[in-house]
Amino acid sequence: MKGLFNKVRNQPTRRRFVVSTICKGENSFETAIFEANFFYLPRSWSRPAVIVATATKDEAWDLHHLLTDRLTKEYPPRLFQEYS
């Protein structure tokens, strides 16, 4: 398995996001959050709202699920500020 991908709709703001986790190398994983349009297509692939790097697969998967859950319920700017 190379990565994870989730579509998220934020409940308080009704904005849409895409959370993506990819394997960058043998021990390098990257989780990114992209703002998305109505069809859940990222508005800009080159400018994600947040990028978080992790060293292990388990950390990356846990972080991906944590960000997906929190982004569903919390205000996005607060979450982005915490992880930038």
C-alpha atoms as a PDB file:
ATOM      1  CA  MET A   1       0.000   0.000   0.000  1.00  0.00           C
ATOM      2  CA  LYS A   2       1.514   3.325  -1.095  1.00  0.00           C
ATOM      3  CA  GLY A   3      -0.821   5.902   0.444  1.00  0.00           C
ATOM      4  CA  LEU A   4      -4.177   7.005   1.794  1.00  0.00           C
ATOM      5  CA  PHE A   5      -6.745   9.435   0.429  1.00  0.00           C
ATOM      6  CA  ASN A   6      -9.884  10.826   2.106  1.00  0.00           C
ATOM      7  CA  LYS A   7     -12.533  13.349   1.137  1.00  0.00           C
ATOM      8  CA  VAL A   8     -13.624  15.505   4.073  1.00  0.00           C
ATOM      9  CA  ARG A   9     -16.467  17.965   4.470  1.00  0.00           C
ATOM     10  CA  ASN A  10     -15.975  20.308   7.408  1.00  0.00           C
ATOM     11  CA  GLN A  11     -19.208  20.548   9.422  1.00  0.00           C
ATOM     12  CA  PRO A  12     -18.848  24.076  10.914  1.00  0.00           C
ATOM     13  CA  THR A  13     -17.801  25.807   7.659  1.00  0.00           C
ATOM     14  CA  ARG A  14     -19.203  23.342   5.082  1.00  0.00           C
ATOM     15  CA  ARG A  15     -15.912  23.596   3.145  1.00  0.00           C
ATOM     16  CA  ARG A  16     -14.438  20.562   1.404  1.00  0.00           C
ATOM     17  CA  PHE A  17     -10.918  19.192   1.787  1.00  0.00           C
ATOM     18  CA  VAL A  18      -8.810  16.284   0.590  1.00  0.00           C
ATOM     19  CA  VAL A  19      -6.415  14.576   3.015  1.00  0.00           C
ATOM     20  CA  SER A  20      -3.655  12.624   1.301  1.00  0.00           C
ATOM     21  CA  THR A  21      -0.796  10.568   2.739  1.00  0.00           C
ATOM     22  CA  ILE A  22       1.970   9.296   0.475  1.00  0.00           C
ATOM     23  CA  CYS A  23       5.209   7.383   0.829  1.00  0.00           C
ATOM     24  CA  LYS A  24       8.086   9.666  -0.190  1.00  0.00           C
ATOM     25  CA  GLY A  25      10.870   7.166   0.407  1.00  0.00           C
ATOM     26  CA  GLU A  26      11.758   4.133   2.454  1.00  0.00           C
ATOM     27  CA  ASN A  27      11.289   5.876   5.827  1.00  0.00           C
ATOM     28  CA  SER A  28       9.601   9.091   4.791  1.00  0.00           C
ATOM     29  CA  PHE A  29       5.874   9.772   4.655  1.00  0.00           C
ATOM     30  CA  GLU A  30       4.019  12.991   3.958  1.00  0.00           C
ATOM     31  CA  THR A  31       0.443  13.946   4.844  1.00  0.00           C
ATOM     32  CA  ALA A  32      -1.063  16.936   3.049  1.00  0.00           C
ATOM     33  CA  ILE A  33      -4.411  18.706   3.279  1.00  0.00           C
ATOM     34  CA  PHE A  34      -5.738  20.384   0.141  1.00  0.00           C
ATOM     35  CA  GLU A  35      -8.704  22.734  -0.147  1.00  0.00           C
ATOM     36  CA  ALA A  36     -11.147  21.215  -2.624  1.00  0.00           C
ATOM     37  CA  ASN A  37     -14.011  22.301  -4.854  1.00  0.00           C
ATOM     38  CA  PHE A  38     -17.551  20.905  -4.980  1.00  0.00           C
ATOM     39  CA  PHE A  39     -16.352  17.687  -6.676  1.00  0.00           C
ATOM     40  CA  TYR A  40     -13.536  17.162  -4.140  1.00  0.00           C
ATOM     41  CA  LEU A  41     -10.855  18.055  -6.661  1.00  0.00           C
ATOM     42  CA  PRO A  42      -7.980  20.009  -5.072  1.00  0.00           C
ATOM     43  CA  ARG A  43      -8.000  23.692  -5.991  1.00  0.00           C
ATOM     44  CA  SER A  44      -4.200  23.671  -6.249  1.00  0.00           C
ATOM     45  CA  TRP A  45      -1.965  20.590  -6.222  1.00  0.00           C
ATOM     46  CA  SER A  46       1.126  22.766  -5.806  1.00  0.00           C
ATOM     47  CA  ARG A  47      -0.148  24.682  -2.740  1.00  0.00           C
ATOM     48  CA  PRO A  48      -1.530  22.412  -0.001  1.00  0.00           C
ATOM     49  CA  ALA A  49      -2.942  24.086   3.100  1.00  0.00           C
ATOM     50  CA  VAL A  50      -0.727  21.945   5.384  1.00  0.00           C
ATOM     51  CA  ILE A  51       2.056  19.380   4.946  1.00  0.00           C
ATOM     52  CA  VAL A  52       3.189  17.168   7.838  1.00  0.00           C
ATOM     53  CA  ALA A  53       6.146  14.796   7.491  1.00  0.00           C
ATOM     54  CA  THR A  54       6.479  11.574   9.503  1.00  0.00           C
ATOM     55  CA  ALA A  55       9.141   8.884   9.736  1.00  0.00           C
ATOM     56  CA  THR A  56       7.170   5.652  10.042  1.00  0.00           C
ATOM     57  CA  LYS A  57       4.177   4.138   8.300  1.00  0.00           C
ATOM     58  CA  ASP A  58       2.248   3.707  11.546  1.00  0.00           C
ATOM     59  CA  GLU A  59       2.759   7.365  12.500  1.00  0.00           C
ATOM     60  CA  ALA A  60       1.650   8.461   9.033  1.00  0.00           C
ATOM     61  CA  TRP A  61      -1.506   6.350   9.085  1.00  0.00           C
ATOM     62  CA  ASP A  62      -2.402   7.495  12.620  1.00  0.00           C
ATOM     63  CA  LEU A  63      -1.798  11.131  11.701  1.00  0.00           C
ATOM     64  CA  HIS A  64      -3.889  10.763   8.535  1.00  0.00           C
ATOM     65  CA  HIS A  65      -6.871   9.400  10.464  1.00  0.00           C
ATOM     66  CA  LEU A  66      -6.448  11.968  13.249  1.00  0.00           C
ATOM     67  CA  LEU A  67      -6.391  14.876  10.774  1.00  0.00           C
ATOM     68  CA  THR A  68      -9.396  13.481   8.896  1.00  0.00           C
ATOM     69  CA  ASP A  69     -11.439  13.200  12.099  1.00  0.00           C
ATOM     70  CA  ARG A  70     -10.413  16.601  13.441  1.00  0.00           C
ATOM     71  CA  LEU A  71     -10.956  18.361  10.113  1.00  0.00           C
ATOM     72  CA  THR A  72     -14.515  17.060  10.041  1.00  0.00           C
ATOM     73  CA  LYS A  73     -15.381  18.711  13.363  1.00  0.00           C
ATOM     74  CA  GLU A  74     -12.964  21.616  14.014  1.00  0.00           C
ATOM     75  CA  TYR A  75     -12.413  24.965  12.335  1.00  0.00           C
ATOM     76  CA  PRO A  76      -9.759  24.543   9.608  1.00  0.00           C
ATOM     77  CA  PRO A  77      -7.616  27.652  10.322  1.00  0.00           C
ATOM     78  CA  ARG A  78      -7.099  26.540  13.931  1.00  0.00           C
ATOM     79  CA  LEU A  79      -6.049  23.063  12.820  1.00  0.00           C
ATOM     80  CA  PHE A  80      -3.756  24.413  10.088  1.00  0.00           C
ATOM     81  CA  GLN A  81      -2.070  26.770  12.552  1.00  0.00           C
ATOM     82  CA  GLU A  82      -1.418  23.893  14.955  1.00  0.00           C
ATOM     83  CA  TYR A  83       0.318  21.756  12.307  1.00  0.00           C
ATOM     84  CA  SER A  84       2.240  24.446  10.422  1.00  0.00           C
END
